[in-house]
Full PDB file with SEQRES, HELIX, SHEET, SSBOND, CRYST1, ORIGX, SCALE, CONECT and MASTER records, all heavy atoms in Angstrom:
SEQRES   1 A   43  PRO VAL LYS GLY ARG PHE THR ILE SER ARG ASP ASN ALA          
SEQRES   2 A   43  LYS ASN THR VAL TYR LEU GLN MET ASN SER LEU LYS PRO          
SEQRES   3 A   43  GLU ASP THR ALA VAL TYR TYR CYS ALA ALA ASP ARG TYR          
SEQRES   4 A   43  PHE SER ALA SER                                              
HELIX    1 AA1 ASN A   12  LYS A   14  5                                   3    
HELIX    2 AA2 PRO A   26  ASP A   28  5                                   3    
SHEET    1 AA1 2 PHE A   6  ASP A  11  0                                        
SHEET    2 AA1 2 THR A  16  MET A  21 -1                                        
CRYST1    1.000    1.000    1.000  90.00  90.00  90.00 P 1           1          
ORIGX1      1.000000  0.000000  0.000000        0.00000                         
ORIGX2      0.000000  1.000000  0.000000        0.00000                         
ORIGX3      0.000000  0.000000  1.000000        0.00000                         
SCALE1      1.000000  0.000000  0.000000        0.00000                         
SCALE2      0.000000  1.000000  0.000000        0.00000                         
SCALE3      0.000000  0.000000  1.000000        0.00000                         
ATOM      1  N   PRO A   1      -4.525  -3.289 -11.244  1.00  0.00           N  
ATOM      2  CA  PRO A   1      -3.171  -3.668 -11.698  1.00  0.00           C  
ATOM      3  C   PRO A   1      -2.304  -4.272 -10.685  1.00  0.00           C  
ATOM      4  O   PRO A   1      -1.340  -4.949 -11.082  1.00  0.00           O  
ATOM      5  CB  PRO A   1      -2.601  -2.347 -12.160  1.00  0.00           C  
ATOM      6  CG  PRO A   1      -3.748  -1.532 -12.543  1.00  0.00           C  
ATOM      7  CD  PRO A   1      -4.768  -1.810 -11.471  1.00  0.00           C  
ATOM      8  N   VAL A   2      -2.733  -4.158  -9.370  1.00  0.00           N  
ATOM      9  CA  VAL A   2      -1.795  -4.737  -8.396  1.00  0.00           C  
ATOM     10  C   VAL A   2      -2.468  -5.803  -7.546  1.00  0.00           C  
ATOM     11  O   VAL A   2      -1.781  -6.451  -6.697  1.00  0.00           O  
ATOM     12  CB  VAL A   2      -1.376  -3.622  -7.327  1.00  0.00           C  
ATOM     13  CG1 VAL A   2      -0.690  -2.416  -8.156  1.00  0.00           C  
ATOM     14  CG2 VAL A   2      -2.390  -3.112  -6.452  1.00  0.00           C  
ATOM     15  N   LYS A   3      -3.757  -6.117  -7.852  1.00  0.00           N  
ATOM     16  CA  LYS A   3      -4.373  -7.175  -7.171  1.00  0.00           C  
ATOM     17  C   LYS A   3      -3.675  -8.499  -7.360  1.00  0.00           C  
ATOM     18  O   LYS A   3      -3.310  -8.886  -8.445  1.00  0.00           O  
ATOM     19  CB  LYS A   3      -5.870  -7.329  -7.647  1.00  0.00           C  
ATOM     20  CG  LYS A   3      -6.767  -6.324  -7.134  1.00  0.00           C  
ATOM     21  CD  LYS A   3      -8.248  -6.550  -7.643  1.00  0.00           C  
ATOM     22  CE  LYS A   3      -9.103  -5.561  -7.080  1.00  0.00           C  
ATOM     23  NZ  LYS A   3     -10.531  -5.667  -7.721  1.00  0.00           N  
ATOM     24  N   GLY A   4      -3.518  -9.226  -6.280  1.00  0.00           N  
ATOM     25  CA  GLY A   4      -2.815 -10.485  -6.335  1.00  0.00           C  
ATOM     26  C   GLY A   4      -1.302 -10.381  -6.142  1.00  0.00           C  
ATOM     27  O   GLY A   4      -0.627 -11.413  -5.956  1.00  0.00           O  
ATOM     28  N   ARG A   5      -0.824  -9.176  -6.277  1.00  0.00           N  
ATOM     29  CA  ARG A   5       0.691  -8.982  -6.251  1.00  0.00           C  
ATOM     30  C   ARG A   5       1.117  -8.174  -4.988  1.00  0.00           C  
ATOM     31  O   ARG A   5       2.166  -8.390  -4.346  1.00  0.00           O  
ATOM     32  CB  ARG A   5       1.162  -8.323  -7.518  1.00  0.00           C  
ATOM     33  CG  ARG A   5       0.959  -9.142  -8.734  1.00  0.00           C  
ATOM     34  CD  ARG A   5       1.644  -8.490  -9.935  1.00  0.00           C  
ATOM     35  NE  ARG A   5       1.167  -7.155 -10.242  1.00  0.00           N  
ATOM     36  CZ  ARG A   5       1.899  -5.994 -10.270  1.00  0.00           C  
ATOM     37  NH1 ARG A   5       3.253  -6.185  -9.997  1.00  0.00           N  
ATOM     38  NH2 ARG A   5       1.534  -4.917 -10.544  1.00  0.00           N  
ATOM     39  N   PHE A   6       0.224  -7.130  -4.619  1.00  0.00           N  
ATOM     40  CA  PHE A   6       0.479  -6.282  -3.552  1.00  0.00           C  
ATOM     41  C   PHE A   6      -0.448  -6.602  -2.403  1.00  0.00           C  
ATOM     42  O   PHE A   6      -1.482  -6.996  -2.554  1.00  0.00           O  
ATOM     43  CB  PHE A   6       0.288  -4.825  -3.903  1.00  0.00           C  
ATOM     44  CG  PHE A   6       1.230  -4.304  -5.004  1.00  0.00           C  
ATOM     45  CD1 PHE A   6       2.187  -5.040  -5.637  1.00  0.00           C  
ATOM     46  CD2 PHE A   6       1.326  -2.917  -5.204  1.00  0.00           C  
ATOM     47  CE1 PHE A   6       3.071  -4.604  -6.581  1.00  0.00           C  
ATOM     48  CE2 PHE A   6       2.205  -2.435  -6.124  1.00  0.00           C  
ATOM     49  CZ  PHE A   6       3.056  -3.237  -6.790  1.00  0.00           C  
ATOM     50  N   THR A   7       0.040  -6.405  -1.142  1.00  0.00           N  
ATOM     51  CA  THR A   7      -0.654  -6.546   0.066  1.00  0.00           C  
ATOM     52  C   THR A   7      -0.427  -5.395   1.071  1.00  0.00           C  
ATOM     53  O   THR A   7       0.756  -5.074   1.308  1.00  0.00           O  
ATOM     54  CB  THR A   7      -0.274  -7.889   0.839  1.00  0.00           C  
ATOM     55  OG1 THR A   7      -0.419  -8.962  -0.099  1.00  0.00           O  
ATOM     56  CG2 THR A   7      -1.070  -8.035   2.033  1.00  0.00           C  
ATOM     57  N   ILE A   8      -1.506  -4.761   1.420  1.00  0.00           N  
ATOM     58  CA  ILE A   8      -1.405  -3.664   2.328  1.00  0.00           C  
ATOM     59  C   ILE A   8      -1.790  -4.181   3.724  1.00  0.00           C  
ATOM     60  O   ILE A   8      -2.721  -5.010   3.837  1.00  0.00           O  
ATOM     61  CB  ILE A   8      -2.253  -2.479   1.856  1.00  0.00           C  
ATOM     62  CG1 ILE A   8      -2.147  -1.282   2.773  1.00  0.00           C  
ATOM     63  CG2 ILE A   8      -3.811  -2.820   2.042  1.00  0.00           C  
ATOM     64  CD1 ILE A   8      -2.750   0.031   2.381  1.00  0.00           C  
ATOM     65  N   SER A   9      -1.070  -3.630   4.640  1.00  0.00           N  
ATOM     66  CA  SER A   9      -1.333  -4.165   6.143  1.00  0.00           C  
ATOM     67  C   SER A   9      -0.923  -2.858   7.004  1.00  0.00           C  
ATOM     68  O   SER A   9      -0.286  -2.036   6.569  1.00  0.00           O  
ATOM     69  CB  SER A   9      -0.567  -5.434   6.497  1.00  0.00           C  
ATOM     70  OG  SER A   9       0.805  -5.222   6.379  1.00  0.00           O  
ATOM     71  N   ARG A  10      -1.350  -3.144   8.305  1.00  0.00           N  
ATOM     72  CA  ARG A  10      -1.026  -2.080   9.238  1.00  0.00           C  
ATOM     73  C   ARG A  10      -0.864  -2.703  10.591  1.00  0.00           C  
ATOM     74  O   ARG A  10      -1.467  -3.718  10.968  1.00  0.00           O  
ATOM     75  CB  ARG A  10      -2.209  -1.046   9.257  1.00  0.00           C  
ATOM     76  CG  ARG A  10      -3.608  -1.492   9.752  1.00  0.00           C  
ATOM     77  CD  ARG A  10      -4.610  -0.427   9.576  1.00  0.00           C  
ATOM     78  NE  ARG A  10      -4.391   0.839  10.296  1.00  0.00           N  
ATOM     79  CZ  ARG A  10      -4.905   1.987   9.965  1.00  0.00           C  
ATOM     80  NH1 ARG A  10      -5.804   2.103   8.974  1.00  0.00           N  
ATOM     81  NH2 ARG A  10      -4.687   3.086  10.720  1.00  0.00           N  
ATOM     82  N   ASP A  11      -0.062  -2.053  11.485  1.00  0.00           N  
ATOM     83  CA  ASP A  11       0.224  -2.375  12.851  1.00  0.00           C  
ATOM     84  C   ASP A  11      -0.022  -1.182  13.571  1.00  0.00           C  
ATOM     85  O   ASP A  11       0.851  -0.297  13.724  1.00  0.00           O  
ATOM     86  CB  ASP A  11       1.544  -2.931  13.004  1.00  0.00           C  
ATOM     87  CG  ASP A  11       1.833  -3.482  14.322  1.00  0.00           C  
ATOM     88  OD1 ASP A  11       1.106  -3.052  15.288  1.00  0.00           O  
ATOM     89  OD2 ASP A  11       2.682  -4.333  14.525  1.00  0.00           O  
ATOM     90  N   ASN A  12      -1.356  -0.980  14.151  1.00  0.00           N  
ATOM     91  CA  ASN A  12      -1.559   0.305  14.849  1.00  0.00           C  
ATOM     92  C   ASN A  12      -0.698   0.386  16.081  1.00  0.00           C  
ATOM     93  O   ASN A  12      -0.456   1.562  16.563  1.00  0.00           O  
ATOM     94  CB  ASN A  12      -3.117   0.307  15.118  1.00  0.00           C  
ATOM     95  CG  ASN A  12      -3.924   0.534  13.884  1.00  0.00           C  
ATOM     96  OD1 ASN A  12      -3.398   1.141  12.948  1.00  0.00           O  
ATOM     97  ND2 ASN A  12      -5.201   0.193  14.031  1.00  0.00           N  
ATOM     98  N   ALA A  13      -0.418  -0.627  16.676  1.00  0.00           N  
ATOM     99  CA  ALA A  13       0.410  -0.632  17.944  1.00  0.00           C  
ATOM    100  C   ALA A  13       1.872  -0.118  17.570  1.00  0.00           C  
ATOM    101  O   ALA A  13       2.401   0.614  18.344  1.00  0.00           O  
ATOM    102  CB  ALA A  13       0.648  -1.946  18.540  1.00  0.00           C  
ATOM    103  N   LYS A  14       2.267  -0.187  16.369  1.00  0.00           N  
ATOM    104  CA  LYS A  14       3.605   0.236  15.948  1.00  0.00           C  
ATOM    105  C   LYS A  14       3.459   1.587  15.084  1.00  0.00           C  
ATOM    106  O   LYS A  14       4.379   2.083  14.670  1.00  0.00           O  
ATOM    107  CB  LYS A  14       4.327  -0.723  15.101  1.00  0.00           C  
ATOM    108  CG  LYS A  14       4.734  -1.974  15.882  1.00  0.00           C  
ATOM    109  CD  LYS A  14       5.556  -2.880  15.042  1.00  0.00           C  
ATOM    110  CE  LYS A  14       6.096  -4.117  15.866  1.00  0.00           C  
ATOM    111  NZ  LYS A  14       6.908  -5.073  15.065  1.00  0.00           N  
ATOM    112  N   ASN A  15       2.192   2.074  14.962  1.00  0.00           N  
ATOM    113  CA  ASN A  15       1.889   3.213  14.111  1.00  0.00           C  
ATOM    114  C   ASN A  15       2.569   3.081  12.707  1.00  0.00           C  
ATOM    115  O   ASN A  15       3.193   4.010  12.290  1.00  0.00           O  
ATOM    116  CB  ASN A  15       2.410   4.466  14.881  1.00  0.00           C  
ATOM    117  CG  ASN A  15       1.262   5.214  15.495  1.00  0.00           C  
ATOM    118  OD1 ASN A  15       0.142   4.698  15.662  1.00  0.00           O  
ATOM    119  ND2 ASN A  15       1.593   6.405  15.972  1.00  0.00           N  
ATOM    120  N   THR A  16       2.359   1.873  12.178  1.00  0.00           N  
ATOM    121  CA  THR A  16       3.024   1.668  10.853  1.00  0.00           C  
ATOM    122  C   THR A  16       2.130   1.040   9.878  1.00  0.00           C  
ATOM    123  O   THR A  16       1.336   0.178  10.270  1.00  0.00           O  
ATOM    124  CB  THR A  16       4.354   0.933  11.019  1.00  0.00           C  
ATOM    125  OG1 THR A  16       5.173   1.525  11.861  1.00  0.00           O  
ATOM    126  CG2 THR A  16       5.161   0.740   9.646  1.00  0.00           C  
ATOM    127  N   VAL A  17       2.168   1.435   8.548  1.00  0.00           N  
ATOM    128  CA  VAL A  17       1.463   0.802   7.482  1.00  0.00           C  
ATOM    129  C   VAL A  17       2.450   0.178   6.569  1.00  0.00           C  
ATOM    130  O   VAL A  17       3.577   0.805   6.403  1.00  0.00           O  
ATOM    131  CB  VAL A  17       0.605   1.778   6.724  1.00  0.00           C  
ATOM    132  CG1 VAL A  17      -0.121   1.088   5.540  1.00  0.00           C  
ATOM    133  CG2 VAL A  17      -0.507   2.346   7.736  1.00  0.00           C  
ATOM    134  N   TYR A  18       2.180  -0.857   5.914  1.00  0.00           N  
ATOM    135  CA  TYR A  18       3.084  -1.586   4.969  1.00  0.00           C  
ATOM    136  C   TYR A  18       2.506  -1.832   3.713  1.00  0.00           C  
ATOM    137  O   TYR A  18       1.192  -1.914   3.591  1.00  0.00           O  
ATOM    138  CB  TYR A  18       3.515  -2.914   5.556  1.00  0.00           C  
ATOM    139  CG  TYR A  18       4.116  -2.861   7.039  1.00  0.00           C  
ATOM    140  CD1 TYR A  18       3.333  -3.109   8.094  1.00  0.00           C  
ATOM    141  CD2 TYR A  18       5.447  -2.527   7.246  1.00  0.00           C  
ATOM    142  CE1 TYR A  18       3.773  -3.064   9.454  1.00  0.00           C  
ATOM    143  CE2 TYR A  18       5.916  -2.422   8.521  1.00  0.00           C  
ATOM    144  CZ  TYR A  18       5.140  -2.695   9.583  1.00  0.00           C  
ATOM    145  OH  TYR A  18       5.683  -2.621  10.846  1.00  0.00           O  
ATOM    146  N   LEU A  19       3.387  -1.921   2.666  1.00  0.00           N  
ATOM    147  CA  LEU A  19       2.886  -2.297   1.426  1.00  0.00           C  
ATOM    148  C   LEU A  19       3.855  -3.373   0.860  1.00  0.00           C  
ATOM    149  O   LEU A  19       4.996  -3.012   0.496  1.00  0.00           O  
ATOM    150  CB  LEU A  19       2.787  -1.167   0.431  1.00  0.00           C  
ATOM    151  CG  LEU A  19       2.181  -1.540  -1.017  1.00  0.00           C  
ATOM    152  CD1 LEU A  19       0.662  -1.910  -0.864  1.00  0.00           C  
ATOM    153  CD2 LEU A  19       2.398  -0.376  -1.960  1.00  0.00           C  
ATOM    154  N   GLN A  20       3.515  -4.681   0.957  1.00  0.00           N  
ATOM    155  CA  GLN A  20       4.331  -5.737   0.415  1.00  0.00           C  
ATOM    156  C   GLN A  20       4.052  -5.864  -1.132  1.00  0.00           C  
ATOM    157  O   GLN A  20       2.910  -6.128  -1.510  1.00  0.00           O  
ATOM    158  CB  GLN A  20       3.999  -7.035   0.981  1.00  0.00           C  
ATOM    159  CG  GLN A  20       4.761  -8.208   0.555  1.00  0.00           C  
ATOM    160  CD  GLN A  20       6.254  -8.088   0.895  1.00  0.00           C  
ATOM    161  OE1 GLN A  20       6.641  -7.783   1.945  1.00  0.00           O  
ATOM    162  NE2 GLN A  20       7.108  -8.510  -0.054  1.00  0.00           N  
ATOM    163  N   MET A  21       5.070  -5.735  -1.845  1.00  0.00           N  
ATOM    164  CA  MET A  21       4.966  -5.775  -3.381  1.00  0.00           C  
ATOM    165  C   MET A  21       5.760  -6.908  -3.965  1.00  0.00           C  
ATOM    166  O   MET A  21       6.972  -6.927  -3.749  1.00  0.00           O  
ATOM    167  CB  MET A  21       5.493  -4.422  -3.938  1.00  0.00           C  
ATOM    168  CG  MET A  21       4.817  -3.187  -3.296  1.00  0.00           C  
ATOM    169  SD  MET A  21       5.275  -1.624  -4.188  1.00  0.00           S  
ATOM    170  CE  MET A  21       6.997  -1.582  -3.772  1.00  0.00           C  
ATOM    171  N   ASN A  22       5.141  -7.826  -4.533  1.00  0.00           N  
ATOM    172  CA  ASN A  22       5.679  -8.956  -5.106  1.00  0.00           C  
ATOM    173  C   ASN A  22       5.474  -8.955  -6.594  1.00  0.00           C  
ATOM    174  O   ASN A  22       4.633  -8.283  -7.075  1.00  0.00           O  
ATOM    175  CB  ASN A  22       5.066 -10.265  -4.505  1.00  0.00           C  
ATOM    176  CG  ASN A  22       5.286 -10.399  -2.995  1.00  0.00           C  
ATOM    177  OD1 ASN A  22       6.322  -9.904  -2.505  1.00  0.00           O  
ATOM    178  ND2 ASN A  22       4.323 -11.008  -2.301  1.00  0.00           N  
ATOM    179  N   SER A  23       6.269  -9.865  -7.274  1.00  0.00           N  
ATOM    180  CA  SER A  23       6.089  -9.989  -8.794  1.00  0.00           C  
ATOM    181  C   SER A  23       6.125  -8.559  -9.452  1.00  0.00           C  
ATOM    182  O   SER A  23       5.289  -8.291 -10.315  1.00  0.00           O  
ATOM    183  CB  SER A  23       4.904 -10.787  -9.045  1.00  0.00           C  
ATOM    184  OG  SER A  23       4.912 -12.042  -8.518  1.00  0.00           O  
ATOM    185  N   LEU A  24       7.096  -7.808  -9.047  1.00  0.00           N  
ATOM    186  CA  LEU A  24       7.106  -6.442  -9.565  1.00  0.00           C  
ATOM    187  C   LEU A  24       7.373  -6.397 -10.999  1.00  0.00           C  
ATOM    188  O   LEU A  24       8.085  -7.273 -11.567  1.00  0.00           O  
ATOM    189  CB  LEU A  24       8.200  -5.644  -8.808  1.00  0.00           C  
ATOM    190  CG  LEU A  24       7.786  -5.185  -7.404  1.00  0.00           C  
ATOM    191  CD1 LEU A  24       8.862  -4.851  -6.564  1.00  0.00           C  
ATOM    192  CD2 LEU A  24       6.861  -3.975  -7.489  1.00  0.00           C  
ATOM    193  N   LYS A  25       6.741  -5.366 -11.684  1.00  0.00           N  
ATOM    194  CA  LYS A  25       6.904  -5.133 -13.172  1.00  0.00           C  
ATOM    195  C   LYS A  25       7.431  -3.853 -13.376  1.00  0.00           C  
ATOM    196  O   LYS A  25       7.244  -2.886 -12.554  1.00  0.00           O  
ATOM    197  CB  LYS A  25       5.472  -5.265 -13.759  1.00  0.00           C  
ATOM    198  CG  LYS A  25       4.747  -6.596 -13.456  1.00  0.00           C  
ATOM    199  CD  LYS A  25       3.341  -6.577 -14.058  1.00  0.00           C  
ATOM    200  CE  LYS A  25       2.546  -7.756 -13.763  1.00  0.00           C  
ATOM    201  NZ  LYS A  25       1.198  -7.774 -14.357  1.00  0.00           N  
ATOM    202  N   PRO A  26       8.062  -3.581 -14.550  1.00  0.00           N  
ATOM    203  CA  PRO A  26       8.640  -2.233 -14.839  1.00  0.00           C  
ATOM    204  C   PRO A  26       7.519  -1.221 -14.781  1.00  0.00           C  
ATOM    205  O   PRO A  26       7.893  -0.103 -14.414  1.00  0.00           O  
ATOM    206  CB  PRO A  26       9.099  -2.442 -16.267  1.00  0.00           C  
ATOM    207  CG  PRO A  26       9.492  -3.856 -16.466  1.00  0.00           C  
ATOM    208  CD  PRO A  26       8.461  -4.618 -15.545  1.00  0.00           C  
ATOM    209  N   GLU A  27       6.331  -1.509 -15.150  1.00  0.00           N  
ATOM    210  CA  GLU A  27       5.261  -0.546 -14.981  1.00  0.00           C  
ATOM    211  C   GLU A  27       4.843  -0.163 -13.572  1.00  0.00           C  
ATOM    212  O   GLU A  27       3.986   0.839 -13.297  1.00  0.00           O  
ATOM    213  CB  GLU A  27       3.974  -0.982 -15.806  1.00  0.00           C  
ATOM    214  CG  GLU A  27       3.421  -2.390 -15.450  1.00  0.00           C  
ATOM    215  CD  GLU A  27       4.011  -3.373 -16.375  1.00  0.00           C  
ATOM    216  OE1 GLU A  27       5.156  -3.428 -16.743  1.00  0.00           O  
ATOM    217  OE2 GLU A  27       3.140  -4.321 -16.800  1.00  0.00           O  
ATOM    218  N   ASP A  28       5.510  -0.775 -12.580  1.00  0.00           N  
ATOM    219  CA  ASP A  28       5.205  -0.425 -11.200  1.00  0.00           C  
ATOM    220  C   ASP A  28       6.166   0.739 -10.898  1.00  0.00           C  
ATOM    221  O   ASP A  28       6.036   1.276  -9.705  1.00  0.00           O  
ATOM    222  CB  ASP A  28       5.385  -1.647 -10.219  1.00  0.00           C  
ATOM    223  CG  ASP A  28       4.398  -2.718 -10.386  1.00  0.00           C  
ATOM    224  OD1 ASP A  28       3.088  -2.325 -10.655  1.00  0.00           O  
ATOM    225  OD2 ASP A  28       4.754  -3.887 -10.442  1.00  0.00           O  
ATOM    226  N   THR A  29       7.102   1.066 -11.689  1.00  0.00           N  
ATOM    227  CA  THR A  29       8.064   2.127 -11.379  1.00  0.00           C  
ATOM    228  C   THR A  29       7.316   3.396 -11.127  1.00  0.00           C  
ATOM    229  O   THR A  29       6.536   3.858 -11.948  1.00  0.00           O  
ATOM    230  CB  THR A  29       9.031   2.247 -12.548  1.00  0.00           C  
ATOM    231  OG1 THR A  29       9.780   1.107 -12.622  1.00  0.00           O  
ATOM    232  CG2 THR A  29       9.860   3.579 -12.309  1.00  0.00           C  
ATOM    233  N   ALA A  30       7.561   4.013  -9.885  1.00  0.00           N  
ATOM    234  CA  ALA A  30       6.803   5.265  -9.569  1.00  0.00           C  
ATOM    235  C   ALA A  30       7.336   5.697  -8.159  1.00  0.00           C  
ATOM    236  O   ALA A  30       8.084   4.982  -7.464  1.00  0.00           O  
ATOM    237  CB  ALA A  30       5.236   4.940  -9.478  1.00  0.00           C  
ATOM    238  N   VAL A  31       6.971   6.979  -7.785  1.00  0.00           N  
ATOM    239  CA  VAL A  31       7.035   7.368  -6.445  1.00  0.00           C  
ATOM    240  C   VAL A  31       5.839   6.943  -5.753  1.00  0.00           C  
ATOM    241  O   VAL A  31       4.727   7.208  -6.181  1.00  0.00           O  
ATOM    242  CB  VAL A  31       7.194   8.851  -6.362  1.00  0.00           C  
ATOM    243  CG1 VAL A  31       7.347   9.298  -4.947  1.00  0.00           C  
ATOM    244  CG2 VAL A  31       8.523   9.271  -7.034  1.00  0.00           C  
ATOM    245  N   TYR A  32       5.994   6.289  -4.589  1.00  0.00           N  
ATOM    246  CA  TYR A  32       4.936   5.761  -3.753  1.00  0.00           C  
ATOM    247  C   TYR A  32       4.714   6.624  -2.563  1.00  0.00           C  
ATOM    248  O   TYR A  32       5.656   6.856  -1.781  1.00  0.00           O  
ATOM    249  CB  TYR A  32       5.239   4.370  -3.377  1.00  0.00           C  
ATOM    250  CG  TYR A  32       4.986   3.301  -4.428  1.00  0.00           C  
ATOM    251  CD1 TYR A  32       5.860   3.281  -5.585  1.00  0.00           C  
ATOM    252  CD2 TYR A  32       3.914   2.427  -4.537  1.00  0.00           C  
ATOM    253  CE1 TYR A  32       5.701   2.368  -6.635  1.00  0.00           C  
ATOM    254  CE2 TYR A  32       3.743   1.536  -5.569  1.00  0.00           C  
ATOM    255  CZ  TYR A  32       4.623   1.485  -6.577  1.00  0.00           C  
ATOM    256  OH  TYR A  32       4.415   0.621  -7.698  1.00  0.00           O  
ATOM    257  N   TYR A  33       3.530   7.178  -2.432  1.00  0.00           N  
ATOM    258  CA  TYR A  33       3.084   8.034  -1.299  1.00  0.00           C  
ATOM    259  C   TYR A  33       2.173   7.227  -0.369  1.00  0.00           C  
ATOM    260  O   TYR A  33       1.178   6.699  -0.843  1.00  0.00           O  
ATOM    261  CB  TYR A  33       2.508   9.311  -1.865  1.00  0.00           C  
ATOM    262  CG  TYR A  33       3.329  10.165  -2.664  1.00  0.00           C  
ATOM    263  CD1 TYR A  33       3.365  10.026  -4.150  1.00  0.00           C  
ATOM    264  CD2 TYR A  33       4.184  11.208  -2.171  1.00  0.00           C  
ATOM    265  CE1 TYR A  33       4.158  10.800  -4.881  1.00  0.00           C  
ATOM    266  CE2 TYR A  33       4.997  12.012  -2.929  1.00  0.00           C  
ATOM    267  CZ  TYR A  33       4.972  11.794  -4.273  1.00  0.00           C  
ATOM    268  OH  TYR A  33       5.740  12.624  -5.087  1.00  0.00           O  
ATOM    269  N   CYS A  34       2.488   7.434   0.884  1.00  0.00           N  
ATOM    270  CA  CYS A  34       1.610   6.903   1.900  1.00  0.00           C  
ATOM    271  C   CYS A  34       0.693   8.144   2.316  1.00  0.00           C  
ATOM    272  O   CYS A  34       1.285   9.259   2.434  1.00  0.00           O  
ATOM    273  CB  CYS A  34       2.416   6.408   3.058  1.00  0.00           C  
ATOM    274  SG  CYS A  34       1.539   6.053   4.639  1.00  0.00           S  
ATOM    275  N   ALA A  35      -0.523   7.834   2.549  1.00  0.00           N  
ATOM    276  CA  ALA A  35      -1.392   8.896   2.911  1.00  0.00           C  
ATOM    277  C   ALA A  35      -2.473   8.489   4.009  1.00  0.00           C  
ATOM    278  O   ALA A  35      -2.752   7.257   4.157  1.00  0.00           O  
ATOM    279  CB  ALA A  35      -2.144   9.433   1.727  1.00  0.00           C  
ATOM    280  N   ALA A  36      -2.870   9.510   4.740  1.00  0.00           N  
ATOM    281  CA  ALA A  36      -3.831   9.262   5.783  1.00  0.00           C  
ATOM    282  C   ALA A  36      -5.097  10.225   5.715  1.00  0.00           C  
ATOM    283  O   ALA A  36      -4.881  11.347   5.372  1.00  0.00           O  
ATOM    284  CB  ALA A  36      -3.151   9.415   7.163  1.00  0.00           C  
ATOM    285  N   ASP A  37      -6.169   9.675   6.038  1.00  0.00           N  
ATOM    286  CA  ASP A  37      -7.327  10.512   5.967  1.00  0.00           C  
ATOM    287  C   ASP A  37      -8.460   9.998   6.882  1.00  0.00           C  
ATOM    288  O   ASP A  37      -8.594   8.727   7.139  1.00  0.00           O  
ATOM    289  CB  ASP A  37      -7.876  10.457   4.544  1.00  0.00           C  
ATOM    290  CG  ASP A  37      -8.792  11.623   4.252  1.00  0.00           C  
ATOM    291  OD1 ASP A  37     -10.019  11.608   4.645  1.00  0.00           O  
ATOM    292  OD2 ASP A  37      -8.353  12.690   3.704  1.00  0.00           O  
ATOM    293  N   ARG A  38      -9.096  10.909   7.537  1.00  0.00           N  
ATOM    294  CA  ARG A  38     -10.203  10.460   8.490  1.00  0.00           C  
ATOM    295  C   ARG A  38     -11.538  10.392   7.849  1.00  0.00           C  
ATOM    296  O   ARG A  38     -12.481   9.953   8.395  1.00  0.00           O  
ATOM    297  CB  ARG A  38     -10.229  11.520   9.597  1.00  0.00           C  
ATOM    298  CG  ARG A  38      -9.099  11.543  10.510  1.00  0.00           C  
ATOM    299  CD  ARG A  38      -9.098  12.601  11.498  1.00  0.00           C  
ATOM    300  NE  ARG A  38      -8.957  13.867  10.817  1.00  0.00           N  
ATOM    301  CZ  ARG A  38      -9.114  15.176  11.373  1.00  0.00           C  
ATOM    302  NH1 ARG A  38      -9.262  15.180  12.792  1.00  0.00           N  
ATOM    303  NH2 ARG A  38      -8.804  16.228  10.743  1.00  0.00           N  
ATOM    304  N   TYR A  39     -11.659  10.852   6.542  1.00  0.00           N  
ATOM    305  CA  TYR A  39     -13.052  10.981   5.913  1.00  0.00           C  
ATOM    306  C   TYR A  39     -13.242  10.072   4.748  1.00  0.00           C  
ATOM    307  O   TYR A  39     -14.391   9.491   4.578  1.00  0.00           O  
ATOM    308  CB  TYR A  39     -13.235  12.461   5.616  1.00  0.00           C  
ATOM    309  CG  TYR A  39     -13.036  13.411   6.780  1.00  0.00           C  
ATOM    310  CD1 TYR A  39     -11.891  14.189   6.819  1.00  0.00           C  
ATOM    311  CD2 TYR A  39     -13.976  13.422   7.742  1.00  0.00           C  
ATOM    312  CE1 TYR A  39     -11.648  15.027   7.846  1.00  0.00           C  
ATOM    313  CE2 TYR A  39     -13.816  14.306   8.869  1.00  0.00           C  
ATOM    314  CZ  TYR A  39     -12.622  15.081   8.881  1.00  0.00           C  
ATOM    315  OH  TYR A  39     -12.524  15.911   9.970  1.00  0.00           O  
ATOM    316  N   PHE A  40     -12.167   9.778   3.935  1.00  0.00           N  
ATOM    317  CA  PHE A  40     -12.403   8.856   2.876  1.00  0.00           C  
ATOM    318  C   PHE A  40     -12.389   7.453   3.367  1.00  0.00           C  
ATOM    319  O   PHE A  40     -11.742   7.154   4.456  1.00  0.00           O  
ATOM    320  CB  PHE A  40     -11.225   8.940   1.821  1.00  0.00           C  
ATOM    321  CG  PHE A  40     -11.339  10.063   0.929  1.00  0.00           C  
ATOM    322  CD1 PHE A  40     -10.529  11.221   1.100  1.00  0.00           C  
ATOM    323  CD2 PHE A  40     -12.280  10.065  -0.203  1.00  0.00           C  
ATOM    324  CE1 PHE A  40     -10.639  12.289   0.195  1.00  0.00           C  
ATOM    325  CE2 PHE A  40     -12.324  11.113  -1.106  1.00  0.00           C  
ATOM    326  CZ  PHE A  40     -11.554  12.165  -0.877  1.00  0.00           C  
ATOM    327  N   SER A  41     -13.210   6.592   2.803  1.00  0.00           N  
ATOM    328  CA  SER A  41     -13.170   5.206   3.199  1.00  0.00           C  
ATOM    329  C   SER A  41     -12.086   4.518   2.343  1.00  0.00           C  
ATOM    330  O   SER A  41     -11.674   4.940   1.326  1.00  0.00           O  
ATOM    331  CB  SER A  41     -14.571   4.556   3.013  1.00  0.00           C  
ATOM    332  OG  SER A  41     -14.847   4.502   1.598  1.00  0.00           O  
ATOM    333  N   ALA A  42     -11.762   3.250   2.760  1.00  0.00           N  
ATOM    334  CA  ALA A  42     -10.752   2.448   2.009  1.00  0.00           C  
ATOM    335  C   ALA A  42     -11.283   2.148   0.633  1.00  0.00           C  
ATOM    336  O   ALA A  42     -10.597   2.070  -0.260  1.00  0.00           O  
ATOM    337  CB  ALA A  42     -10.482   1.228   2.788  1.00  0.00           C  
ATOM    338  N   SER A  43     -12.590   2.014   0.519  1.00  0.00           N  
ATOM    339  CA  SER A  43     -13.205   1.606  -0.787  1.00  0.00           C  
ATOM    340  C   SER A  43     -13.407   2.820  -1.704  1.00  0.00           C  
ATOM    341  O   SER A  43     -13.737   2.570  -2.828  1.00  0.00           O  
ATOM    342  CB  SER A  43     -14.490   0.969  -0.506  1.00  0.00           C  
ATOM    343  OG  SER A  43     -15.384   1.865   0.135  1.00  0.00           O  
TER     344      SER A  43                                                      
MASTER        0    0    0    2    2    0    0    6  343    1    0    4          
END                                                                             
């Protein structure tokens, strides 16, 4: 649902992760949680 509209990126030097969200839709309304894990892969 977010492909082509959202972009995730990270700056390890700044210890920060970003989520750029464009072309937002009402169905994107939600609480967004950032999470970290050493064992799950991104895929």
